Amino acid sequence: MDDFNISNINDLIHSRLRLGIMAYLSTAGSADFNTLKKQTQSSDGNLSISLKKLEEAQYIKVEKSFIGKKPNTKITLTKVGNKAFIEYLDALKKLLP
């Protein structure tokens, strides 16, 4: 197990909620706020905080707009985010037998 190195795990992605966001977006590509809230079973506040952290790391892009008079927030996984997620999964696999 020469590849076993716990420090290779990306702590930003490793939280349950941020991992859920990244996993969902890795297959969907993008989603609106309410879809992510439902899929990750999170509250508005917790989701907003996690999205902000992922956006600051440039793992996601957040676009706010209006559909009619209703606000809409679209979240998209970036190339940087996709690469980080793949690296996270690879590092996790190296910890498993």
PDB file of N, CA and C in Angstrom:
ATOM      1  N   MET A   1       0.829  -1.191   0.000  1.00  0.00           N
ATOM      2  CA  MET A   1       0.000   0.000   0.000  1.00  0.00           C
ATOM      3  C   MET A   1       0.876   1.258   0.000  1.00  0.00           C
ATOM      4  N   ASP A   2       1.790   1.326  -0.937  1.00  0.00           N
ATOM      5  CA  ASP A   2       2.666   2.495  -1.045  1.00  0.00           C
ATOM      6  C   ASP A   2       1.910   3.764  -1.422  1.00  0.00           C
ATOM      7  N   ASP A   3       0.752   3.598  -2.079  1.00  0.00           N
ATOM      8  CA  ASP A   3      -0.037   4.751  -2.511  1.00  0.00           C
ATOM      9  C   ASP A   3      -0.915   5.317  -1.404  1.00  0.00           C
ATOM     10  N   PHE A   4      -0.967   4.664  -0.252  1.00  0.00           N
ATOM     11  CA  PHE A   4      -1.840   5.110   0.834  1.00  0.00           C
ATOM     12  C   PHE A   4      -1.318   6.411   1.419  1.00  0.00           C
ATOM     13  N   ASN A   5      -2.062   7.499   1.148  1.00  0.00           N
ATOM     14  CA  ASN A   5      -1.671   8.810   1.655  1.00  0.00           C
ATOM     15  C   ASN A   5      -2.929   9.625   1.901  1.00  0.00           C
ATOM     16  N   ILE A   6      -3.341   9.663   3.145  1.00  0.00           N
ATOM     17  CA  ILE A   6      -4.580  10.337   3.515  1.00  0.00           C
ATOM     18  C   ILE A   6      -4.546  11.841   3.211  1.00  0.00           C
ATOM     19  N   SER A   7      -3.364  12.412   3.144  1.00  0.00           N
ATOM     20  CA  SER A   7      -3.262  13.852   2.879  1.00  0.00           C
ATOM     21  C   SER A   7      -3.622  14.204   1.435  1.00  0.00           C
ATOM     22  N   ASN A   8      -3.798  13.213   0.567  1.00  0.00           N
ATOM     23  CA  ASN A   8      -4.204  13.477  -0.810  1.00  0.00           C
ATOM     24  C   ASN A   8      -5.713  13.698  -0.946  1.00  0.00           C
ATOM     25  N   ILE A   9      -6.448  13.513   0.142  1.00  0.00           N
ATOM     26  CA  ILE A   9      -7.892  13.725   0.095  1.00  0.00           C
ATOM     27  C   ILE A   9      -8.187  15.226   0.166  1.00  0.00           C
ATOM     28  N   ASN A  10      -8.937  15.717  -0.792  1.00  0.00           N
ATOM     29  CA  ASN A  10      -9.297  17.133  -0.873  1.00  0.00           C
ATOM     30  C   ASN A  10     -10.344  17.444   0.196  1.00  0.00           C
ATOM     31  N   ASP A  11      -9.933  18.170   1.238  1.00  0.00           N
ATOM     32  CA  ASP A  11     -10.830  18.481   2.353  1.00  0.00           C
ATOM     33  C   ASP A  11     -12.018  19.340   1.933  1.00  0.00           C
ATOM     34  N   LEU A  12     -11.862  20.163   0.927  1.00  0.00           N
ATOM     35  CA  LEU A  12     -12.964  21.010   0.477  1.00  0.00           C
ATOM     36  C   LEU A  12     -14.099  20.153  -0.083  1.00  0.00           C
ATOM     37  N   ILE A  13     -13.756  19.149  -0.845  1.00  0.00           N
ATOM     38  CA  ILE A  13     -14.767  18.268  -1.441  1.00  0.00           C
ATOM     39  C   ILE A  13     -15.276  17.248  -0.433  1.00  0.00           C
ATOM     40  N   HIS A  14     -14.458  16.892   0.539  1.00  0.00           N
ATOM     41  CA  HIS A  14     -14.741  15.744   1.401  1.00  0.00           C
ATOM     42  C   HIS A  14     -15.933  15.920   2.346  1.00  0.00           C
ATOM     43  N   SER A  15     -16.424  17.118   2.554  1.00  0.00           N
ATOM     44  CA  SER A  15     -17.610  17.270   3.412  1.00  0.00           C
ATOM     45  C   SER A  15     -18.809  16.619   2.715  1.00  0.00           C
ATOM     46  N   ARG A  16     -19.718  16.069   3.486  1.00  0.00           N
ATOM     47  CA  ARG A  16     -20.849  15.331   2.917  1.00  0.00           C
ATOM     48  C   ARG A  16     -21.639  16.164   1.915  1.00  0.00           C
ATOM     49  N   LEU A  17     -21.960  17.390   2.268  1.00  0.00           N
ATOM     50  CA  LEU A  17     -22.776  18.223   1.394  1.00  0.00           C
ATOM     51  C   LEU A  17     -22.009  18.626   0.133  1.00  0.00           C
ATOM     52  N   ARG A  18     -20.768  19.065   0.281  1.00  0.00           N
ATOM     53  CA  ARG A  18     -20.003  19.471  -0.909  1.00  0.00           C
ATOM     54  C   ARG A  18     -19.709  18.265  -1.799  1.00  0.00           C
ATOM     55  N   LEU A  19     -19.489  17.106  -1.202  1.00  0.00           N
ATOM     56  CA  LEU A  19     -19.301  15.888  -1.993  1.00  0.00           C
ATOM     57  C   LEU A  19     -20.566  15.583  -2.782  1.00  0.00           C
ATOM     58  N   GLY A  20     -21.719  15.734  -2.144  1.00  0.00           N
ATOM     59  CA  GLY A  20     -22.989  15.513  -2.838  1.00  0.00           C
ATOM     60  C   GLY A  20     -23.192  16.475  -3.994  1.00  0.00           C
ATOM     61  N   ILE A  21     -22.846  17.726  -3.784  1.00  0.00           N
ATOM     62  CA  ILE A  21     -22.960  18.735  -4.840  1.00  0.00           C
ATOM     63  C   ILE A  21     -22.066  18.363  -6.019  1.00  0.00           C
ATOM     64  N   MET A  22     -20.817  18.058  -5.712  1.00  0.00           N
ATOM     65  CA  MET A  22     -19.856  17.720  -6.771  1.00  0.00           C
ATOM     66  C   MET A  22     -20.273  16.454  -7.517  1.00  0.00           C
ATOM     67  N   ALA A  23     -20.715  15.448  -6.774  1.00  0.00           N
ATOM     68  CA  ALA A  23     -21.132  14.189  -7.402  1.00  0.00           C
ATOM     69  C   ALA A  23     -22.336  14.415  -8.317  1.00  0.00           C
ATOM     70  N   TYR A  24     -23.315  15.186  -7.842  1.00  0.00           N
ATOM     71  CA  TYR A  24     -24.496  15.439  -8.657  1.00  0.00           C
ATOM     72  C   TYR A  24     -24.124  16.218  -9.924  1.00  0.00           C
ATOM     73  N   LEU A  25     -23.338  17.272  -9.751  1.00  0.00           N
ATOM     74  CA  LEU A  25     -22.968  18.090 -10.907  1.00  0.00           C
ATOM     75  C   LEU A  25     -22.048  17.356 -11.869  1.00  0.00           C
ATOM     76  N   SER A  26     -21.299  16.387 -11.374  1.00  0.00           N
ATOM     77  CA  SER A  26     -20.389  15.648 -12.273  1.00  0.00           C
ATOM     78  C   SER A  26     -21.163  14.840 -13.307  1.00  0.00           C
ATOM     79  N   THR A  27     -22.393  14.463 -12.981  1.00  0.00           N
ATOM     80  CA  THR A  27     -23.208  13.741 -13.955  1.00  0.00           C
ATOM     81  C   THR A  27     -24.205  14.662 -14.657  1.00  0.00           C
ATOM     82  N   ALA A  28     -24.755  15.631 -13.921  1.00  0.00           N
ATOM     83  CA  ALA A  28     -25.760  16.524 -14.497  1.00  0.00           C
ATOM     84  C   ALA A  28     -25.140  17.691 -15.267  1.00  0.00           C
ATOM     85  N   GLY A  29     -23.924  18.079 -14.900  1.00  0.00           N
ATOM     86  CA  GLY A  29     -23.278  19.232 -15.534  1.00  0.00           C
ATOM     87  C   GLY A  29     -23.673  20.536 -14.883  1.00  0.00           C
ATOM     88  N   SER A  30     -24.987  20.750 -14.737  1.00  0.00           N
ATOM     89  CA  SER A  30     -25.475  21.948 -14.060  1.00  0.00           C
ATOM     90  C   SER A  30     -26.836  21.641 -13.443  1.00  0.00           C
ATOM     91  N   ALA A  31     -27.226  22.497 -12.523  1.00  0.00           N
ATOM     92  CA  ALA A  31     -28.526  22.343 -11.865  1.00  0.00           C
ATOM     93  C   ALA A  31     -28.909  23.683 -11.255  1.00  0.00           C
ATOM     94  N   ASP A  32     -30.199  23.866 -11.020  1.00  0.00           N
ATOM     95  CA  ASP A  32     -30.610  25.071 -10.320  1.00  0.00           C
ATOM     96  C   ASP A  32     -30.544  24.819  -8.811  1.00  0.00           C
ATOM     97  N   PHE A  33     -30.615  25.898  -8.062  1.00  0.00           N
ATOM     98  CA  PHE A  33     -30.471  25.839  -6.608  1.00  0.00           C
ATOM     99  C   PHE A  33     -31.464  24.870  -5.978  1.00  0.00           C
ATOM    100  N   ASN A  34     -32.725  24.957  -6.377  1.00  0.00           N
ATOM    101  CA  ASN A  34     -33.752  24.107  -5.771  1.00  0.00           C
ATOM    102  C   ASN A  34     -33.530  22.630  -6.057  1.00  0.00           C
ATOM    103  N   THR A  35     -33.038  22.305  -7.243  1.00  0.00           N
ATOM    104  CA  THR A  35     -32.740  20.914  -7.574  1.00  0.00           C
ATOM    105  C   THR A  35     -31.618  20.399  -6.681  1.00  0.00           C
ATOM    106  N   LEU A  36     -30.554  21.190  -6.539  1.00  0.00           N
ATOM    107  CA  LEU A  36     -29.449  20.777  -5.667  1.00  0.00           C
ATOM    108  C   LEU A  36     -29.907  20.656  -4.217  1.00  0.00           C
ATOM    109  N   LYS A  37     -30.744  21.564  -3.799  1.00  0.00           N
ATOM    110  CA  LYS A  37     -31.263  21.517  -2.421  1.00  0.00           C
ATOM    111  C   LYS A  37     -32.021  20.207  -2.197  1.00  0.00           C
ATOM    112  N   LYS A  38     -32.853  19.848  -3.148  1.00  0.00           N
ATOM    113  CA  LYS A  38     -33.636  18.615  -3.039  1.00  0.00           C
ATOM    114  C   LYS A  38     -32.723  17.387  -3.094  1.00  0.00           C
ATOM    115  N   GLN A  39     -31.829  17.360  -4.056  1.00  0.00           N
ATOM    116  CA  GLN A  39     -30.971  16.189  -4.252  1.00  0.00           C
ATOM    117  C   GLN A  39     -30.008  15.959  -3.082  1.00  0.00           C
ATOM    118  N   THR A  40     -29.549  17.034  -2.471  1.00  0.00           N
ATOM    119  CA  THR A  40     -28.596  16.907  -1.363  1.00  0.00           C
ATOM    120  C   THR A  40     -29.291  16.928  -0.001  1.00  0.00           C
ATOM    121  N   GLN A  41     -30.603  17.119  -0.010  1.00  0.00           N
ATOM    122  CA  GLN A  41     -31.400  17.142   1.217  1.00  0.00           C
ATOM    123  C   GLN A  41     -30.835  18.149   2.228  1.00  0.00           C
ATOM    124  N   SER A  42     -30.560  19.345   1.739  1.00  0.00           N
ATOM    125  CA  SER A  42     -29.953  20.375   2.587  1.00  0.00           C
ATOM    126  C   SER A  42     -30.894  21.560   2.757  1.00  0.00           C
ATOM    127  N   SER A  43     -30.521  22.414   3.674  1.00  0.00           N
ATOM    128  CA  SER A  43     -31.281  23.652   3.881  1.00  0.00           C
ATOM    129  C   SER A  43     -30.731  24.739   2.966  1.00  0.00           C
ATOM    130  N   ASP A  44     -31.487  25.811   2.803  1.00  0.00           N
ATOM    131  CA  ASP A  44     -31.038  26.944   1.983  1.00  0.00           C
ATOM    132  C   ASP A  44     -29.687  27.461   2.474  1.00  0.00           C
ATOM    133  N   GLY A  45     -29.583  27.674   3.780  1.00  0.00           N
ATOM    134  CA  GLY A  45     -28.365  28.254   4.353  1.00  0.00           C
ATOM    135  C   GLY A  45     -27.148  27.364   4.183  1.00  0.00           C
ATOM    136  N   ASN A  46     -27.295  26.076   4.509  1.00  0.00           N
ATOM    137  CA  ASN A  46     -26.161  25.153   4.377  1.00  0.00           C
ATOM    138  C   ASN A  46     -25.723  25.018   2.923  1.00  0.00           C
ATOM    139  N   LEU A  47     -26.689  24.941   2.017  1.00  0.00           N
ATOM    140  CA  LEU A  47     -26.356  24.829   0.601  1.00  0.00           C
ATOM    141  C   LEU A  47     -25.655  26.091   0.122  1.00  0.00           C
ATOM    142  N   SER A  48     -26.154  27.257   0.517  1.00  0.00           N
ATOM    143  CA  SER A  48     -25.538  28.524   0.105  1.00  0.00           C
ATOM    144  C   SER A  48     -24.087  28.619   0.562  1.00  0.00           C
ATOM    145  N   ILE A  49     -23.818  28.228   1.798  1.00  0.00           N
ATOM    146  CA  ILE A  49     -22.449  28.281   2.328  1.00  0.00           C
ATOM    147  C   ILE A  49     -21.530  27.333   1.559  1.00  0.00           C
ATOM    148  N   SER A  50     -22.011  26.127   1.304  1.00  0.00           N
ATOM    149  CA  SER A  50     -21.190  25.161   0.567  1.00  0.00           C
ATOM    150  C   SER A  50     -20.941  25.610  -0.863  1.00  0.00           C
ATOM    151  N   LEU A  51     -21.957  26.167  -1.505  1.00  0.00           N
ATOM    152  CA  LEU A  51     -21.788  26.669  -2.872  1.00  0.00           C
ATOM    153  C   LEU A  51     -20.774  27.805  -2.910  1.00  0.00           C
ATOM    154  N   LYS A  52     -20.821  28.677  -1.913  1.00  0.00           N
ATOM    155  CA  LYS A  52     -19.875  29.788  -1.859  1.00  0.00           C
ATOM    156  C   LYS A  52     -18.441  29.273  -1.761  1.00  0.00           C
ATOM    157  N   LYS A  53     -18.214  28.268  -0.932  1.00  0.00           N
ATOM    158  CA  LYS A  53     -16.868  27.696  -0.784  1.00  0.00           C
ATOM    159  C   LYS A  53     -16.397  27.056  -2.086  1.00  0.00           C
ATOM    160  N   LEU A  54     -17.282  26.326  -2.752  1.00  0.00           N
ATOM    161  CA  LEU A  54     -16.912  25.697  -4.022  1.00  0.00           C
ATOM    162  C   LEU A  54     -16.687  26.734  -5.115  1.00  0.00           C
ATOM    163  N   GLU A  55     -17.474  27.805  -5.081  1.00  0.00           N
ATOM    164  CA  GLU A  55     -17.306  28.880  -6.063  1.00  0.00           C
ATOM    165  C   GLU A  55     -15.978  29.601  -5.842  1.00  0.00           C
ATOM    166  N   GLU A  56     -15.618  29.856  -4.588  1.00  0.00           N
ATOM    167  CA  GLU A  56     -14.347  30.517  -4.285  1.00  0.00           C
ATOM    168  C   GLU A  56     -13.156  29.690  -4.767  1.00  0.00           C
ATOM    169  N   ALA A  57     -13.307  28.368  -4.751  1.00  0.00           N
ATOM    170  CA  ALA A  57     -12.247  27.480  -5.244  1.00  0.00           C
ATOM    171  C   ALA A  57     -12.304  27.320  -6.767  1.00  0.00           C
ATOM    172  N   GLN A  58     -13.284  27.957  -7.397  1.00  0.00           N
ATOM    173  CA  GLN A  58     -13.511  27.902  -8.840  1.00  0.00           C
ATOM    174  C   GLN A  58     -13.892  26.500  -9.320  1.00  0.00           C
ATOM    175  N   TYR A  59     -14.488  25.712  -8.420  1.00  0.00           N
ATOM    176  CA  TYR A  59     -14.970  24.378  -8.775  1.00  0.00           C
ATOM    177  C   TYR A  59     -16.339  24.443  -9.440  1.00  0.00           C
ATOM    178  N   ILE A  60     -17.077  25.501  -9.150  1.00  0.00           N
ATOM    179  CA  ILE A  60     -18.397  25.701  -9.747  1.00  0.00           C
ATOM    180  C   ILE A  60     -18.535  27.148 -10.187  1.00  0.00           C
ATOM    181  N   LYS A  61     -19.489  27.365 -11.084  1.00  0.00           N
ATOM    182  CA  LYS A  61     -19.850  28.714 -11.510  1.00  0.00           C
ATOM    183  C   LYS A  61     -21.307  28.923 -11.116  1.00  0.00           C
ATOM    184  N   VAL A  62     -21.583  30.034 -10.462  1.00  0.00           N
ATOM    185  CA  VAL A  62     -22.941  30.361 -10.022  1.00  0.00           C
ATOM    186  C   VAL A  62     -23.445  31.539 -10.847  1.00  0.00           C
ATOM    187  N   GLU A  63     -24.568  31.340 -11.513  1.00  0.00           N
ATOM    188  CA  GLU A  63     -25.170  32.392 -12.331  1.00  0.00           C
ATOM    189  C   GLU A  63     -26.565  32.694 -11.799  1.00  0.00           C
ATOM    190  N   LYS A  64     -26.797  33.947 -11.478  1.00  0.00           N
ATOM    191  CA  LYS A  64     -28.104  34.369 -10.973  1.00  0.00           C
ATOM    192  C   LYS A  64     -28.831  35.135 -12.062  1.00  0.00           C
ATOM    193  N   SER A  65     -30.099  34.801 -12.224  1.00  0.00           N
ATOM    194  CA  SER A  65     -30.919  35.467 -13.236  1.00  0.00           C
ATOM    195  C   SER A  65     -32.372  35.450 -12.756  1.00  0.00           C
ATOM    196  N   PHE A  66     -33.250  35.938 -13.600  1.00  0.00           N
ATOM    197  CA  PHE A  66     -34.678  35.906 -13.310  1.00  0.00           C
ATOM    198  C   PHE A  66     -35.381  35.178 -14.434  1.00  0.00           C
ATOM    199  N   ILE A  67     -36.326  34.355 -14.059  1.00  0.00           N
ATOM    200  CA  ILE A  67     -37.232  33.736 -15.017  1.00  0.00           C
ATOM    201  C   ILE A  67     -38.586  34.357 -14.725  1.00  0.00           C
ATOM    202  N   GLY A  68     -38.975  35.269 -15.598  1.00  0.00           N
ATOM    203  CA  GLY A  68     -40.136  36.100 -15.284  1.00  0.00           C
ATOM    204  C   GLY A  68     -39.754  36.991 -14.122  1.00  0.00           C
ATOM    205  N   LYS A  69     -40.494  36.893 -13.029  1.00  0.00           N
ATOM    206  CA  LYS A  69     -40.178  37.676 -11.842  1.00  0.00           C
ATOM    207  C   LYS A  69     -39.535  36.828 -10.749  1.00  0.00           C
ATOM    208  N   LYS A  70     -39.299  35.556 -11.062  1.00  0.00           N
ATOM    209  CA  LYS A  70     -38.727  34.656 -10.059  1.00  0.00           C
ATOM    210  C   LYS A  70     -37.208  34.583 -10.215  1.00  0.00           C
ATOM    211  N   PRO A  71     -36.485  34.703  -9.098  1.00  0.00           N
ATOM    212  CA  PRO A  71     -35.029  34.546  -9.173  1.00  0.00           C
ATOM    213  C   PRO A  71     -34.661  33.097  -9.463  1.00  0.00           C
ATOM    214  N   ASN A  72     -33.605  32.920 -10.220  1.00  0.00           N
ATOM    215  CA  ASN A  72     -33.122  31.584 -10.559  1.00  0.00           C
ATOM    216  C   ASN A  72     -31.601  31.565 -10.408  1.00  0.00           C
ATOM    217  N   THR A  73     -31.105  30.572  -9.708  1.00  0.00           N
ATOM    218  CA  THR A  73     -29.667  30.406  -9.535  1.00  0.00           C
ATOM    219  C   THR A  73     -29.258  29.104 -10.204  1.00  0.00           C
ATOM    220  N   LYS A  74     -28.365  29.213 -11.185  1.00  0.00           N
ATOM    221  CA  LYS A  74     -27.883  28.045 -11.920  1.00  0.00           C
ATOM    222  C   LYS A  74     -26.443  27.783 -11.492  1.00  0.00           C
ATOM    223  N   ILE A  75     -26.154  26.532 -11.147  1.00  0.00           N
ATOM    224  CA  ILE A  75     -24.819  26.133 -10.709  1.00  0.00           C
ATOM    225  C   ILE A  75     -24.257  25.157 -11.736  1.00  0.00           C
ATOM    226  N   THR A  76     -23.046  25.431 -12.199  1.00  0.00           N
ATOM    227  CA  THR A  76     -22.398  24.608 -13.213  1.00  0.00           C
ATOM    228  C   THR A  76     -21.029  24.167 -12.720  1.00  0.00           C
ATOM    229  N   LEU A  77     -20.707  22.908 -12.932  1.00  0.00           N
ATOM    230  CA  LEU A  77     -19.386  22.392 -12.610  1.00  0.00           C
ATOM    231  C   LEU A  77     -18.388  22.931 -13.639  1.00  0.00           C
ATOM    232  N   THR A  78     -17.287  23.482 -13.169  1.00  0.00           N
ATOM    233  CA  THR A  78     -16.261  24.017 -14.079  1.00  0.00           C
ATOM    234  C   THR A  78     -15.262  22.910 -14.448  1.00  0.00           C
ATOM    235  N   LYS A  79     -14.396  23.194 -15.411  1.00  0.00           N
ATOM    236  CA  LYS A  79     -13.337  22.245 -15.762  1.00  0.00           C
ATOM    237  C   LYS A  79     -12.409  22.019 -14.578  1.00  0.00           C
ATOM    238  N   VAL A  80     -12.117  23.088 -13.851  1.00  0.00           N
ATOM    239  CA  VAL A  80     -11.272  22.991 -12.651  1.00  0.00           C
ATOM    240  C   VAL A  80     -11.957  22.090 -11.617  1.00  0.00           C
ATOM    241  N   GLY A  81     -13.254  22.267 -11.443  1.00  0.00           N
ATOM    242  CA  GLY A  81     -14.019  21.464 -10.500  1.00  0.00           C
ATOM    243  C   GLY A  81     -14.088  20.009 -10.904  1.00  0.00           C
ATOM    244  N   ASN A  82     -14.289  19.763 -12.188  1.00  0.00           N
ATOM    245  CA  ASN A  82     -14.345  18.388 -12.680  1.00  0.00           C
ATOM    246  C   ASN A  82     -13.004  17.688 -12.453  1.00  0.00           C
ATOM    247  N   LYS A  83     -11.918  18.385 -12.747  1.00  0.00           N
ATOM    248  CA  LYS A  83     -10.578  17.828 -12.544  1.00  0.00           C
ATOM    249  C   LYS A  83     -10.338  17.531 -11.060  1.00  0.00           C
ATOM    250  N   ALA A  84     -10.731  18.462 -10.198  1.00  0.00           N
ATOM    251  CA  ALA A  84     -10.556  18.272  -8.752  1.00  0.00           C
ATOM    252  C   ALA A  84     -11.379  17.090  -8.255  1.00  0.00           C
ATOM    253  N   PHE A  85     -12.577  16.917  -8.794  1.00  0.00           N
ATOM    254  CA  PHE A  85     -13.431  15.807  -8.373  1.00  0.00           C
ATOM    255  C   PHE A  85     -12.835  14.469  -8.807  1.00  0.00           C
ATOM    256  N   ILE A  86     -12.332  14.405 -10.022  1.00  0.00           N
ATOM    257  CA  ILE A  86     -11.691  13.175 -10.504  1.00  0.00           C
ATOM    258  C   ILE A  86     -10.463  12.855  -9.657  1.00  0.00           C
ATOM    259  N   GLU A  87      -9.667  13.865  -9.339  1.00  0.00           N
ATOM    260  CA  GLU A  87      -8.490  13.659  -8.486  1.00  0.00           C
ATOM    261  C   GLU A  87      -8.902  13.201  -7.090  1.00  0.00           C
ATOM    262  N   TYR A  88      -9.997  13.747  -6.580  1.00  0.00           N
ATOM    263  CA  TYR A  88     -10.519  13.334  -5.274  1.00  0.00           C
ATOM    264  C   TYR A  88     -10.884  11.849  -5.304  1.00  0.00           C
ATOM    265  N   LEU A  89     -11.632  11.439  -6.339  1.00  0.00           N
ATOM    266  CA  LEU A  89     -12.036  10.039  -6.454  1.00  0.00           C
ATOM    267  C   LEU A  89     -10.831   9.121  -6.600  1.00  0.00           C
ATOM    268  N   ASP A  90      -9.844   9.531  -7.381  1.00  0.00           N
ATOM    269  CA  ASP A  90      -8.625   8.732  -7.547  1.00  0.00           C
ATOM    270  C   ASP A  90      -7.881   8.582  -6.220  1.00  0.00           C
ATOM    271  N   ALA A  91      -7.782   9.672  -5.450  1.00  0.00           N
ATOM    272  CA  ALA A  91      -7.103   9.623  -4.156  1.00  0.00           C
ATOM    273  C   ALA A  91      -7.868   8.713  -3.187  1.00  0.00           C
ATOM    274  N   LEU A  92      -9.182   8.761  -3.248  1.00  0.00           N
ATOM    275  CA  LEU A  92     -10.001   7.922  -2.384  1.00  0.00           C
ATOM    276  C   LEU A  92      -9.832   6.437  -2.733  1.00  0.00           C
ATOM    277  N   LYS A  93      -9.779   6.136  -4.017  1.00  0.00           N
ATOM    278  CA  LYS A  93      -9.587   4.751  -4.462  1.00  0.00           C
ATOM    279  C   LYS A  93      -8.271   4.178  -3.953  1.00  0.00           C
ATOM    280  N   LYS A  94      -7.246   5.013  -3.867  1.00  0.00           N
ATOM    281  CA  LYS A  94      -5.943   4.538  -3.417  1.00  0.00           C
ATOM    282  C   LYS A  94      -5.937   4.184  -1.930  1.00  0.00           C
ATOM    283  N   LEU A  95      -6.947   4.643  -1.196  1.00  0.00           N
ATOM    284  CA  LEU A  95      -7.043   4.325   0.228  1.00  0.00           C
ATOM    285  C   LEU A  95      -7.762   2.993   0.461  1.00  0.00           C
ATOM    286  N   LEU A  96      -8.436   2.501  -0.555  1.00  0.00           N
ATOM    287  CA  LEU A  96      -9.228   1.293  -0.415  1.00  0.00           C
ATOM    288  C   LEU A  96      -8.440   0.059  -0.857  1.00  0.00           C
ATOM    289  N   PRO A  97      -8.750  -1.100  -0.248  1.00  0.00           N
ATOM    290  CA  PRO A  97      -8.019  -2.331  -0.640  1.00  0.00           C
ATOM    291  C   PRO A  97      -8.386  -2.797  -2.034  1.00  0.00           C
TER     292      PRO A  97
END
